[in-house]
């Protein structure tokens, strides 16, 4: 068992469960002498910056979050979804709780992924606000989060695959292509991706990522299923979110074919 301090989207239990982590218990906590930043640049530009903590040494600085008691088996999915060793490092911190001090792990952005010009998206911020509110964090802290400036993205038309004669993949065929990934019925070849995306080649490769993304939407309740994807049962917000990612995949990778569920 280990204690994990979540200060970003992992304050929210729905978000944490989508990553394969079901804590034994969760309680509010505060990390003094650190500041909350949004300067870890997301793999995909339309997602802006995501949460980070930076040590200031000033006891008046505080990062509020949620302390989760996790099973040892939860370390692997946490490391995978936080891109441990690539985008984030894992450090030990001492947080204050209503029950006293507690040692915990937390994730801190690595220098290669830091960009102080980044802003969070409203989607990401909404997840933080939900988690902070449900955990009963300080009202002033929540209000400061609510006032955080956000990145705005242009409205995009529905995504259309490029014309041409492309192969069709199913799950078995995709699994044989470890440098290909699928999203919302489209397959993309990641072999020519920029260095920034090499971690995702391992994480996304050979898999359909549609549910992975849907469960990270701020409106997700965790109930999305493969049957929903198979039958195209998407809300307008889900469809827009998937379209944003389809354009992002098209920008980062190469369209390779159609995926059938």
Protein backbone atom coordinates (compact mmCIF):
# COMPACT_ATOMS: atom_id res chain seq x y z
CA UNK A 1 0.00 0.00 0.00
CA UNK A 2 1.12 3.56 -0.59
CA UNK A 3 -0.22 7.09 -0.24
CA UNK A 4 -0.53 9.21 -3.39
CA UNK A 5 -1.12 12.97 -3.41
CA UNK A 6 -3.23 14.05 -6.39
CA UNK A 7 -3.38 17.77 -7.07
CA UNK A 8 -4.59 17.88 -10.70
CA UNK A 9 -7.18 15.76 -12.49
CA UNK A 10 -6.44 12.90 -10.08
CA UNK A 11 -8.21 14.77 -7.30
CA UNK A 12 -11.35 13.55 -9.07
CA UNK A 13 -12.23 9.92 -8.38
CA UNK A 14 -13.95 9.41 -11.75
CA UNK A 15 -10.78 10.55 -13.49
CA UNK A 16 -8.63 8.34 -11.27
CA UNK A 17 -10.82 5.27 -11.83
CA UNK A 18 -10.55 5.80 -15.59
CA UNK A 19 -6.81 5.24 -15.14
CA UNK A 20 -7.38 1.91 -13.41
CA UNK A 21 -6.92 3.16 -9.84
CA UNK A 22 -9.59 2.60 -7.16
CA UNK A 23 -8.22 4.00 -3.86
CA UNK A 24 -8.95 2.29 -0.54
CA UNK A 25 -9.75 5.73 0.86
CA UNK A 26 -9.28 9.38 -0.06
CA UNK A 27 -9.01 12.51 2.06
CA UNK A 28 -8.18 16.15 1.51
CA UNK A 29 -4.60 17.25 2.06
CA UNK A 30 -2.33 20.28 1.73
CA UNK A 31 1.28 20.53 0.56
CA UNK A 32 2.98 23.60 2.04
CA UNK A 33 5.97 25.31 0.48
CA UNK A 34 4.92 24.36 -3.07
CA UNK A 35 3.00 26.11 -5.85
CA UNK A 36 0.48 24.76 -8.35
CA UNK A 37 1.41 25.34 -11.99
CA UNK A 38 -0.06 24.33 -15.34
CA UNK A 39 3.24 24.28 -17.19
CA UNK A 40 3.58 20.62 -18.16
CA UNK A 41 2.93 20.72 -21.87
CA UNK A 42 0.45 18.06 -22.96
CA UNK A 43 1.46 15.62 -25.69
CA UNK A 44 -1.27 17.16 -27.87
CA UNK A 45 -1.20 20.93 -28.32
CA UNK A 46 -4.96 21.44 -28.15
CA UNK A 47 -4.88 20.14 -24.55
CA UNK A 48 -2.65 23.01 -23.40
CA UNK A 49 -0.82 22.66 -20.09
CA UNK A 50 -1.60 20.23 -17.30
CA UNK A 51 -0.90 20.29 -13.60
CA UNK A 52 2.50 20.47 -11.97
CA UNK A 53 3.87 21.40 -8.56
CA UNK A 54 7.02 23.42 -7.97
CA UNK A 55 8.86 23.70 -4.68
CA UNK A 56 9.10 27.31 -3.50
CA UNK A 57 10.23 26.90 0.10
CA UNK A 58 7.78 29.64 1.07
CA UNK A 59 5.53 28.26 3.86
CA UNK A 60 2.74 30.61 2.76
CA UNK A 61 2.51 28.77 -0.56
CA UNK A 62 0.19 25.79 -0.55
CA UNK A 63 -1.04 23.20 -3.03
CA UNK A 64 -4.31 21.60 -1.99
CA UNK A 65 -5.34 18.22 -3.24
CA UNK A 66 -6.54 14.74 -2.37
CA UNK A 67 -4.51 12.05 -0.63
CA UNK A 68 -5.34 8.54 -1.87
CA UNK A 69 -4.45 5.25 -0.19
CA UNK A 70 -3.60 2.94 -3.10
CA UNK A 71 -2.80 -0.73 -3.59
CA UNK A 72 0.75 -1.56 -4.67
CA UNK A 73 -0.67 -2.73 -8.02
CA UNK A 74 -1.89 0.82 -8.67
CA UNK A 75 1.65 2.16 -9.06
CA UNK A 76 2.00 0.74 -12.59
CA UNK A 77 -1.14 2.39 -14.06
CA UNK A 78 -0.31 5.65 -12.30
CA UNK A 79 3.22 5.62 -13.72
CA UNK A 80 1.86 4.81 -17.18
CA UNK A 81 -0.79 7.52 -17.31
CA UNK A 82 1.49 10.14 -15.75
CA UNK A 83 4.28 9.26 -18.23
CA UNK A 84 6.70 8.58 -15.38
CA UNK A 85 10.29 9.03 -16.49
CA UNK A 86 9.22 10.86 -19.64
CA UNK A 87 6.92 13.75 -18.72
CA UNK A 88 6.89 13.45 -14.93
CA UNK A 89 9.16 12.30 -12.13
CA UNK A 90 7.87 10.67 -8.97
CA UNK A 91 8.90 12.30 -5.67
CA UNK A 92 8.15 11.92 -1.97
CA UNK A 93 6.37 14.76 -0.18
CA UNK A 94 4.94 15.38 3.27
CA UNK A 95 1.36 16.61 3.27
CA UNK A 96 -0.89 17.86 6.03
CA UNK A 97 -4.29 16.22 6.53
CA UNK A 98 -7.07 16.57 9.08
CA UNK A 99 -5.49 13.53 10.78
CA UNK A 100 -1.91 14.89 10.78
CA UNK A 101 1.18 14.69 8.56
CA UNK A 102 1.55 11.93 6.01
CA UNK A 103 4.35 10.89 3.66
CA UNK A 104 3.15 10.38 0.08
CA UNK A 105 4.30 10.22 -3.50
CA UNK A 106 3.49 12.93 -6.03
CA UNK A 107 4.36 13.53 -9.66
CA UNK A 108 6.47 16.53 -10.70
CA UNK A 109 7.00 17.70 -14.28
CA UNK A 110 10.38 16.99 -15.88
CA UNK A 111 12.27 19.94 -17.44
CA UNK A 112 11.92 18.73 -21.04
CA UNK A 113 8.13 18.97 -20.76
CA UNK A 114 7.89 22.35 -19.00
CA UNK A 115 6.54 25.36 -20.87
CA UNK A 116 5.60 28.38 -18.78
CA UNK A 117 3.53 29.78 -21.65
CA UNK A 118 1.01 26.93 -21.33
CA UNK A 119 -2.51 27.38 -20.01
CA UNK A 120 -4.95 24.63 -19.02
CA UNK A 121 -8.07 23.95 -21.05
CA UNK A 122 -11.51 24.49 -19.56
CA UNK A 123 -12.10 20.75 -19.86
CA UNK A 124 -9.09 19.99 -17.68
CA UNK A 125 -9.91 22.74 -15.21
CA UNK A 126 -13.48 21.47 -14.86
CA UNK A 127 -12.14 18.09 -13.72
CA UNK A 128 -9.98 19.79 -11.09
CA UNK A 129 -12.92 21.86 -9.89
CA UNK A 130 -15.12 18.79 -9.59
CA UNK A 131 -12.50 16.86 -7.66
CA UNK A 132 -11.68 19.78 -5.38
CA UNK A 133 -15.33 20.49 -4.65
CA UNK A 134 -16.25 16.87 -3.90
CA UNK A 135 -13.20 16.56 -1.62
CA UNK A 136 -14.25 19.65 0.34
CA UNK A 137 -11.12 21.68 -0.36
CA UNK A 138 -10.79 25.25 0.87
CA UNK A 139 -13.39 27.50 -0.81
CA UNK A 140 -10.84 30.22 -1.53
CA UNK A 141 -8.56 27.72 -3.27
CA UNK A 142 -11.45 26.46 -5.39
CA UNK A 143 -12.37 30.03 -6.33
CA UNK A 144 -8.78 30.71 -7.39
CA UNK A 145 -8.94 27.62 -9.62
CA UNK A 146 -12.22 28.87 -11.06
CA UNK A 147 -10.56 32.19 -11.99
CA UNK A 148 -7.59 30.51 -13.69
CA UNK A 149 -7.05 31.72 -17.26
CA UNK A 150 -7.60 28.98 -19.82
CA UNK A 151 -6.48 28.15 -23.34
CA UNK A 152 -9.09 28.67 -26.03
CA UNK A 153 -9.21 26.45 -29.10
CA UNK A 154 -10.91 27.15 -32.45
CA UNK A 155 -14.12 25.38 -33.37
CA UNK A 156 -13.40 22.58 -35.82
CA UNK A 157 -15.66 21.00 -38.45
CA UNK A 158 -16.43 17.29 -38.15
CA UNK A 159 -13.39 15.19 -38.99
CA UNK A 160 -13.38 13.45 -42.37
CA UNK A 161 -10.82 10.73 -43.19
CA UNK A 162 -8.71 11.45 -46.26
CA UNK A 163 -9.96 9.96 -49.53
CA UNK A 164 -8.22 6.91 -50.91
CA UNK A 165 -8.02 3.14 -50.79
CA UNK A 166 -6.88 2.28 -47.25
CA UNK A 167 -6.83 -1.07 -45.42
CA UNK A 168 -9.36 -2.08 -42.79
CA UNK A 169 -8.20 -3.21 -39.34
CA UNK A 170 -9.90 -5.06 -36.53
CA UNK A 171 -8.57 -5.41 -32.97
CA UNK A 172 -6.53 -8.51 -33.82
CA UNK A 173 -4.91 -6.90 -36.86
CA UNK A 174 -4.21 -3.68 -34.96
CA UNK A 175 -2.52 -5.63 -32.15
CA UNK A 176 -0.03 -6.91 -34.71
CA UNK A 177 0.96 -3.33 -35.57
CA UNK A 178 2.62 -1.95 -32.42
CA UNK A 179 3.30 1.42 -34.07
CA UNK A 180 -0.31 1.93 -35.12
CA UNK A 181 -3.19 3.16 -32.99
CA UNK A 182 -6.92 3.63 -33.55
CA UNK A 183 -9.42 6.32 -32.60
CA UNK A 184 -13.13 6.58 -33.43
CA UNK A 185 -12.92 4.24 -36.40
CA UNK A 186 -9.66 5.58 -37.84
CA UNK A 187 -6.19 3.99 -37.71
CA UNK A 188 -3.02 6.07 -37.56
CA UNK A 189 0.61 5.11 -38.11
CA UNK A 190 2.81 6.52 -35.32
CA UNK A 191 6.14 5.34 -36.72
CA UNK A 192 7.12 8.82 -37.94
CA UNK A 193 6.02 10.66 -34.78
CA UNK A 194 8.26 13.37 -33.33
CA UNK A 195 10.46 12.49 -30.36
CA UNK A 196 7.98 14.09 -27.94
CA UNK A 197 5.55 11.27 -28.79
CA UNK A 198 7.84 8.28 -28.42
CA UNK A 199 6.32 7.46 -25.05
CA UNK A 200 2.87 7.34 -26.67
CA UNK A 201 4.13 4.89 -29.27
CA UNK A 202 4.49 2.40 -26.42
CA UNK A 203 1.33 3.46 -24.62
CA UNK A 204 -1.06 3.78 -27.61
CA UNK A 205 0.57 1.30 -29.99
CA UNK A 206 -1.59 -1.63 -31.09
CA UNK A 207 -4.65 -0.30 -29.23
CA UNK A 208 -7.88 1.55 -29.89
CA UNK A 209 -7.83 4.66 -27.68
CA UNK A 210 -11.42 5.84 -28.07
CA UNK A 211 -12.62 4.83 -24.60
CA UNK A 212 -9.36 6.09 -23.10
CA UNK A 213 -10.13 9.58 -24.38
CA UNK A 214 -13.87 9.53 -23.71
CA UNK A 215 -13.27 8.70 -20.06
CA UNK A 216 -11.09 11.82 -19.77
CA UNK A 217 -13.81 14.19 -20.90
CA UNK A 218 -14.96 16.48 -18.10
CA UNK A 219 -18.54 15.24 -18.58
CA UNK A 220 -17.58 11.57 -18.19
CA UNK A 221 -19.21 9.58 -15.42
CA UNK A 222 -17.10 6.52 -16.19
CA UNK A 223 -19.99 4.56 -17.72
CA UNK A 224 -18.87 4.72 -21.37
CA UNK A 225 -18.55 1.29 -22.99
CA UNK A 226 -17.15 -0.32 -26.11
CA UNK A 227 -20.74 -0.91 -27.21
CA UNK A 228 -21.31 2.85 -27.18
CA UNK A 229 -18.26 3.25 -29.41
CA UNK A 230 -19.25 0.36 -31.69
CA UNK A 231 -22.69 1.88 -32.33
CA UNK A 232 -21.54 5.50 -32.44
CA UNK A 233 -23.57 6.47 -29.39
CA UNK A 234 -21.84 9.79 -28.71
CA UNK A 235 -23.21 12.98 -27.25
CA UNK A 236 -22.45 16.18 -29.19
CA UNK A 237 -19.76 17.03 -26.61
CA UNK A 238 -18.17 13.59 -26.98
CA UNK A 239 -18.23 13.86 -30.76
CA UNK A 240 -16.55 17.29 -30.68
CA UNK A 241 -13.92 15.98 -28.26
CA UNK A 242 -13.15 12.98 -30.46
CA UNK A 243 -12.99 15.22 -33.52
CA UNK A 244 -10.42 17.42 -31.77
CA UNK A 245 -8.30 14.35 -31.13
CA UNK A 246 -8.78 13.01 -34.66
CA UNK A 247 -7.39 16.27 -36.03
CA UNK A 248 -4.56 16.08 -33.48
CA UNK A 249 -3.74 12.49 -34.45
CA UNK A 250 -3.83 13.48 -38.11
CA UNK A 251 -1.37 16.27 -37.37
CA UNK A 252 1.03 14.12 -35.35
CA UNK A 253 0.75 10.79 -37.18
CA UNK A 254 -0.20 9.41 -40.60
CA UNK A 255 -3.66 8.16 -41.49
CA UNK A 256 -3.39 4.42 -42.16
CA UNK A 257 -6.90 3.02 -42.53
CA UNK A 258 -10.28 2.27 -41.01
CA UNK A 259 -10.93 0.43 -37.75
CA UNK A 260 -13.96 -1.85 -37.30
CA UNK A 261 -15.23 -2.72 -33.82
